[in-house]
C-alpha cells in the first residue's frame, strides 16, 4: 500500500443501501486506505487504522439484525479501495 493519494475513500463517505425496505448505511472514515491483493493462493487485505475501522464497520453493518441474506457491498479501486486493488465483495450469508 503506497502513501500516495488514491481513489479511496469514495467521493462520499457513506453509502446507503435499501434491502427489503431496510436502509443500511456503510461509512468510510476520513483518510481510510484499503488495498486488496490476490497473490494466487491467498488474498491480502492491507489497510491503515482508518481503513481497518472502516472494514470492521462494514462487516458490523452487514451483521445487524434484520439484514437479509444476500445483502452485500462491492468494494473496487474506483469505490473505496486503493488503485490497483482486486475487487472485494462483502456479503451476508446465513444459509448453512
N, C-alpha and C. Protein backbone atom coordinates (compact mmCIF):
# COMPACT_ATOMS: atom_id res chain seq x y z
N UNK A 1 0.86 -1.17 0.00
CA UNK A 1 0.00 0.00 0.00
C UNK A 1 0.90 1.22 0.00
N UNK A 2 0.70 2.10 -0.93
CA UNK A 2 1.52 3.29 -1.02
C UNK A 2 0.96 4.39 -0.13
N UNK A 3 1.78 5.37 0.16
CA UNK A 3 1.35 6.51 0.95
C UNK A 3 0.87 7.65 0.06
N UNK A 4 0.83 7.42 -1.24
CA UNK A 4 0.39 8.46 -2.17
C UNK A 4 -1.13 8.53 -2.20
N UNK A 5 -1.69 9.70 -2.58
CA UNK A 5 -3.14 9.80 -2.68
C UNK A 5 -3.69 8.77 -3.66
N UNK A 6 -4.92 8.34 -3.40
CA UNK A 6 -5.52 7.31 -4.25
C UNK A 6 -6.98 7.62 -4.47
N UNK A 7 -7.69 6.64 -5.02
CA UNK A 7 -9.11 6.81 -5.28
C UNK A 7 -9.96 6.54 -4.04
N UNK A 8 -9.37 6.10 -2.95
CA UNK A 8 -10.13 5.79 -1.73
C UNK A 8 -9.94 6.91 -0.72
N UNK A 9 -10.91 7.25 0.09
CA UNK A 9 -12.27 6.75 0.07
C UNK A 9 -13.05 7.36 -1.08
N UNK A 10 -14.27 6.85 -1.32
CA UNK A 10 -15.07 7.37 -2.42
C UNK A 10 -15.42 8.83 -2.21
N UNK A 11 -15.99 9.45 -3.24
CA UNK A 11 -16.33 10.88 -3.18
C UNK A 11 -17.23 11.19 -2.00
N UNK A 12 -18.13 10.29 -1.65
CA UNK A 12 -18.93 10.47 -0.45
C UNK A 12 -18.39 9.50 0.60
N UNK A 13 -18.57 9.82 1.85
CA UNK A 13 -18.02 8.96 2.90
C UNK A 13 -19.06 8.00 3.45
N UNK A 14 -20.21 7.91 2.77
CA UNK A 14 -21.19 6.90 3.17
C UNK A 14 -22.00 6.46 1.96
N UNK A 15 -22.48 5.23 2.06
CA UNK A 15 -23.33 4.66 1.02
C UNK A 15 -24.55 4.08 1.72
N UNK A 16 -25.72 4.44 1.26
CA UNK A 16 -26.96 3.87 1.80
C UNK A 16 -27.47 2.81 0.85
N UNK A 17 -27.83 1.67 1.40
CA UNK A 17 -28.39 0.59 0.60
C UNK A 17 -29.71 0.17 1.22
N UNK A 18 -30.72 0.02 0.39
CA UNK A 18 -32.03 -0.41 0.87
C UNK A 18 -32.27 -1.84 0.38
N UNK A 19 -32.47 -2.74 1.33
CA UNK A 19 -32.76 -4.13 1.00
C UNK A 19 -33.99 -4.55 1.79
N UNK A 20 -35.00 -5.02 1.09
CA UNK A 20 -36.26 -5.43 1.73
C UNK A 20 -36.82 -4.30 2.59
N UNK A 21 -36.68 -3.07 2.12
CA UNK A 21 -37.23 -1.92 2.83
C UNK A 21 -36.41 -1.45 4.02
N UNK A 22 -35.27 -2.08 4.28
CA UNK A 22 -34.41 -1.71 5.40
C UNK A 22 -33.18 -0.98 4.85
N UNK A 23 -32.92 0.23 5.38
CA UNK A 23 -31.76 1.00 4.93
C UNK A 23 -30.55 0.66 5.77
N UNK A 24 -29.46 0.37 5.10
CA UNK A 24 -28.17 0.13 5.75
C UNK A 24 -27.22 1.21 5.26
N UNK A 25 -26.44 1.79 6.16
CA UNK A 25 -25.50 2.85 5.80
C UNK A 25 -24.09 2.34 6.04
N UNK A 26 -23.27 2.39 5.00
CA UNK A 26 -21.86 2.00 5.07
C UNK A 26 -21.03 3.27 5.10
N UNK A 27 -20.22 3.44 6.14
CA UNK A 27 -19.44 4.67 6.35
C UNK A 27 -17.95 4.41 6.11
N UNK A 28 -17.28 5.42 5.55
CA UNK A 28 -15.83 5.40 5.41
C UNK A 28 -15.24 6.44 6.34
N UNK A 29 -14.24 6.06 7.12
CA UNK A 29 -13.54 7.02 7.97
C UNK A 29 -12.64 7.90 7.09
N UNK A 30 -12.43 9.13 7.54
CA UNK A 30 -11.51 10.02 6.82
C UNK A 30 -10.14 9.35 6.72
N UNK A 31 -9.50 9.52 5.60
CA UNK A 31 -8.15 9.01 5.35
C UNK A 31 -8.04 7.48 5.34
N UNK A 32 -9.17 6.77 5.18
CA UNK A 32 -9.13 5.31 5.11
C UNK A 32 -8.40 4.89 3.84
N UNK A 33 -7.47 3.94 3.99
CA UNK A 33 -6.77 3.35 2.85
C UNK A 33 -6.88 1.84 2.98
N UNK A 34 -7.43 1.22 1.95
CA UNK A 34 -7.62 -0.23 1.93
C UNK A 34 -7.13 -0.75 0.59
N UNK A 35 -6.26 -1.75 0.64
CA UNK A 35 -5.76 -2.37 -0.59
C UNK A 35 -6.01 -3.86 -0.50
N UNK A 36 -6.51 -4.45 -1.59
CA UNK A 36 -6.74 -5.89 -1.65
C UNK A 36 -5.89 -6.44 -2.79
N UNK A 37 -5.08 -7.46 -2.46
CA UNK A 37 -4.21 -8.08 -3.46
C UNK A 37 -4.48 -9.58 -3.53
N UNK A 38 -4.49 -10.11 -4.74
CA UNK A 38 -4.64 -11.54 -4.96
C UNK A 38 -3.26 -12.09 -5.28
N UNK A 39 -2.72 -12.89 -4.36
CA UNK A 39 -1.39 -13.45 -4.54
C UNK A 39 -1.43 -14.88 -5.07
N UNK A 40 -2.52 -15.23 -5.71
CA UNK A 40 -2.67 -16.57 -6.26
C UNK A 40 -3.35 -17.49 -5.28
N UNK A 41 -2.60 -17.95 -4.27
CA UNK A 41 -3.16 -18.88 -3.29
C UNK A 41 -3.75 -18.20 -2.07
N UNK A 42 -3.60 -16.88 -1.98
CA UNK A 42 -4.15 -16.17 -0.84
C UNK A 42 -4.50 -14.74 -1.20
N UNK A 43 -5.44 -14.17 -0.45
CA UNK A 43 -5.85 -12.78 -0.62
C UNK A 43 -5.28 -11.99 0.56
N UNK A 44 -4.69 -10.85 0.27
CA UNK A 44 -4.15 -9.98 1.31
C UNK A 44 -4.99 -8.70 1.34
N UNK A 45 -5.50 -8.39 2.52
CA UNK A 45 -6.20 -7.12 2.73
C UNK A 45 -5.29 -6.30 3.63
N UNK A 46 -4.79 -5.21 3.08
CA UNK A 46 -3.85 -4.34 3.80
C UNK A 46 -4.53 -3.00 3.98
N UNK A 47 -4.53 -2.48 5.21
CA UNK A 47 -5.23 -1.22 5.48
C UNK A 47 -4.56 -0.47 6.61
N UNK A 48 -4.72 0.86 6.57
CA UNK A 48 -4.26 1.65 7.70
C UNK A 48 -5.32 1.57 8.80
N UNK A 49 -5.09 2.24 9.92
CA UNK A 49 -6.03 2.17 11.05
C UNK A 49 -7.43 2.58 10.65
N UNK A 50 -7.56 3.69 9.93
CA UNK A 50 -8.89 4.15 9.49
C UNK A 50 -9.53 3.15 8.54
N UNK A 51 -8.72 2.52 7.70
CA UNK A 51 -9.23 1.52 6.78
C UNK A 51 -9.73 0.28 7.50
N UNK A 52 -9.00 -0.16 8.52
CA UNK A 52 -9.44 -1.31 9.30
C UNK A 52 -10.74 -1.01 10.04
N UNK A 53 -10.85 0.19 10.59
CA UNK A 53 -12.11 0.57 11.27
C UNK A 53 -13.25 0.64 10.26
N UNK A 54 -12.95 1.12 9.05
CA UNK A 54 -13.97 1.19 8.00
C UNK A 54 -14.45 -0.21 7.63
N UNK A 55 -13.52 -1.13 7.39
CA UNK A 55 -13.90 -2.51 7.06
C UNK A 55 -14.69 -3.16 8.19
N UNK A 56 -14.26 -2.97 9.43
CA UNK A 56 -14.99 -3.57 10.54
C UNK A 56 -16.39 -2.98 10.64
N UNK A 57 -16.54 -1.70 10.36
CA UNK A 57 -17.86 -1.08 10.35
C UNK A 57 -18.74 -1.66 9.26
N UNK A 58 -18.17 -1.91 8.09
CA UNK A 58 -18.94 -2.53 7.00
C UNK A 58 -19.44 -3.92 7.43
N UNK A 59 -18.57 -4.69 8.05
CA UNK A 59 -18.95 -6.03 8.49
C UNK A 59 -20.02 -5.97 9.58
N UNK A 60 -19.88 -5.04 10.51
CA UNK A 60 -20.90 -4.89 11.56
C UNK A 60 -22.24 -4.45 10.97
N UNK A 61 -22.20 -3.60 9.95
CA UNK A 61 -23.44 -3.18 9.29
C UNK A 61 -24.13 -4.39 8.67
N UNK A 62 -23.36 -5.25 7.99
CA UNK A 62 -23.94 -6.46 7.39
C UNK A 62 -24.45 -7.43 8.45
N UNK A 63 -23.88 -7.39 9.65
CA UNK A 63 -24.26 -8.32 10.72
C UNK A 63 -25.48 -7.84 11.53
N UNK A 64 -25.98 -6.64 11.25
CA UNK A 64 -27.11 -6.11 12.02
C UNK A 64 -28.33 -7.02 11.90
N UNK A 65 -29.08 -7.11 13.00
CA UNK A 65 -30.34 -7.87 12.98
C UNK A 65 -31.23 -7.33 11.89
N UNK A 66 -31.91 -8.22 11.21
CA UNK A 66 -32.84 -7.82 10.16
C UNK A 66 -32.22 -7.63 8.80
N UNK A 67 -30.89 -7.75 8.71
CA UNK A 67 -30.25 -7.63 7.40
C UNK A 67 -30.49 -8.93 6.64
N UNK A 68 -31.12 -8.85 5.48
CA UNK A 68 -31.46 -10.08 4.73
C UNK A 68 -30.24 -10.80 4.18
N UNK A 69 -30.39 -12.11 4.05
CA UNK A 69 -29.39 -12.93 3.38
C UNK A 69 -29.12 -12.36 2.00
N UNK A 70 -27.87 -12.34 1.57
CA UNK A 70 -27.53 -11.87 0.24
C UNK A 70 -27.21 -10.38 0.17
N UNK A 71 -27.47 -9.64 1.27
CA UNK A 71 -27.10 -8.22 1.27
C UNK A 71 -25.58 -8.14 1.14
N UNK A 72 -25.11 -7.28 0.26
CA UNK A 72 -23.67 -7.23 0.00
C UNK A 72 -23.21 -5.83 -0.36
N UNK A 73 -21.90 -5.65 -0.30
CA UNK A 73 -21.26 -4.38 -0.65
C UNK A 73 -20.07 -4.70 -1.55
N UNK A 74 -20.02 -4.04 -2.71
CA UNK A 74 -18.90 -4.19 -3.63
C UNK A 74 -17.87 -3.10 -3.35
N UNK A 75 -16.63 -3.51 -3.14
CA UNK A 75 -15.52 -2.57 -3.00
C UNK A 75 -14.59 -2.77 -4.19
N UNK A 76 -14.25 -1.68 -4.86
CA UNK A 76 -13.39 -1.72 -6.04
C UNK A 76 -12.43 -0.55 -5.97
N UNK A 77 -11.45 -0.54 -6.87
CA UNK A 77 -10.49 0.56 -6.83
C UNK A 77 -11.15 1.91 -7.10
N UNK A 78 -12.28 1.93 -7.78
CA UNK A 78 -12.99 3.19 -8.01
C UNK A 78 -14.05 3.43 -6.93
N UNK A 79 -14.13 2.51 -5.96
CA UNK A 79 -15.17 2.59 -4.93
C UNK A 79 -14.63 2.08 -3.59
N UNK A 80 -13.73 2.85 -2.98
CA UNK A 80 -13.29 2.54 -1.63
C UNK A 80 -11.97 1.83 -1.48
N UNK A 81 -11.37 1.31 -2.56
CA UNK A 81 -10.10 0.62 -2.46
C UNK A 81 -9.00 1.40 -3.17
N UNK A 82 -7.77 1.13 -2.78
CA UNK A 82 -6.61 1.76 -3.40
C UNK A 82 -6.52 1.36 -4.88
N UNK A 83 -5.91 2.23 -5.67
CA UNK A 83 -5.68 1.93 -7.09
C UNK A 83 -4.91 0.62 -7.22
N UNK A 84 -5.30 -0.20 -8.18
CA UNK A 84 -4.63 -1.47 -8.43
C UNK A 84 -5.13 -2.62 -7.58
N UNK A 85 -6.11 -2.35 -6.71
CA UNK A 85 -6.64 -3.40 -5.84
C UNK A 85 -7.51 -4.38 -6.61
N UNK A 86 -7.57 -5.60 -6.11
CA UNK A 86 -8.51 -6.61 -6.57
C UNK A 86 -9.86 -6.28 -5.96
N UNK A 87 -10.93 -6.42 -6.72
CA UNK A 87 -12.28 -6.15 -6.20
C UNK A 87 -12.59 -7.10 -5.04
N UNK A 88 -13.42 -6.61 -4.13
CA UNK A 88 -13.81 -7.38 -2.94
C UNK A 88 -15.30 -7.21 -2.72
N UNK A 89 -15.99 -8.32 -2.47
CA UNK A 89 -17.41 -8.27 -2.15
C UNK A 89 -17.58 -8.80 -0.73
N UNK A 90 -18.23 -8.00 0.12
CA UNK A 90 -18.60 -8.42 1.46
C UNK A 90 -20.07 -8.79 1.42
N UNK A 91 -20.43 -10.00 1.78
CA UNK A 91 -21.81 -10.46 1.64
C UNK A 91 -22.26 -11.24 2.86
N UNK A 92 -23.49 -10.99 3.26
CA UNK A 92 -24.08 -11.75 4.36
C UNK A 92 -24.69 -13.03 3.79
N UNK A 93 -24.42 -14.15 4.48
CA UNK A 93 -24.98 -15.43 4.07
C UNK A 93 -25.24 -16.25 5.34
N UNK A 94 -26.50 -16.40 5.71
CA UNK A 94 -26.87 -17.15 6.90
C UNK A 94 -27.23 -18.59 6.58
N UNK A 95 -27.25 -18.95 5.31
CA UNK A 95 -27.58 -20.32 4.92
C UNK A 95 -26.44 -21.24 5.34
N UNK A 96 -26.79 -22.44 5.72
CA UNK A 96 -25.75 -23.40 6.12
C UNK A 96 -25.56 -24.44 5.06
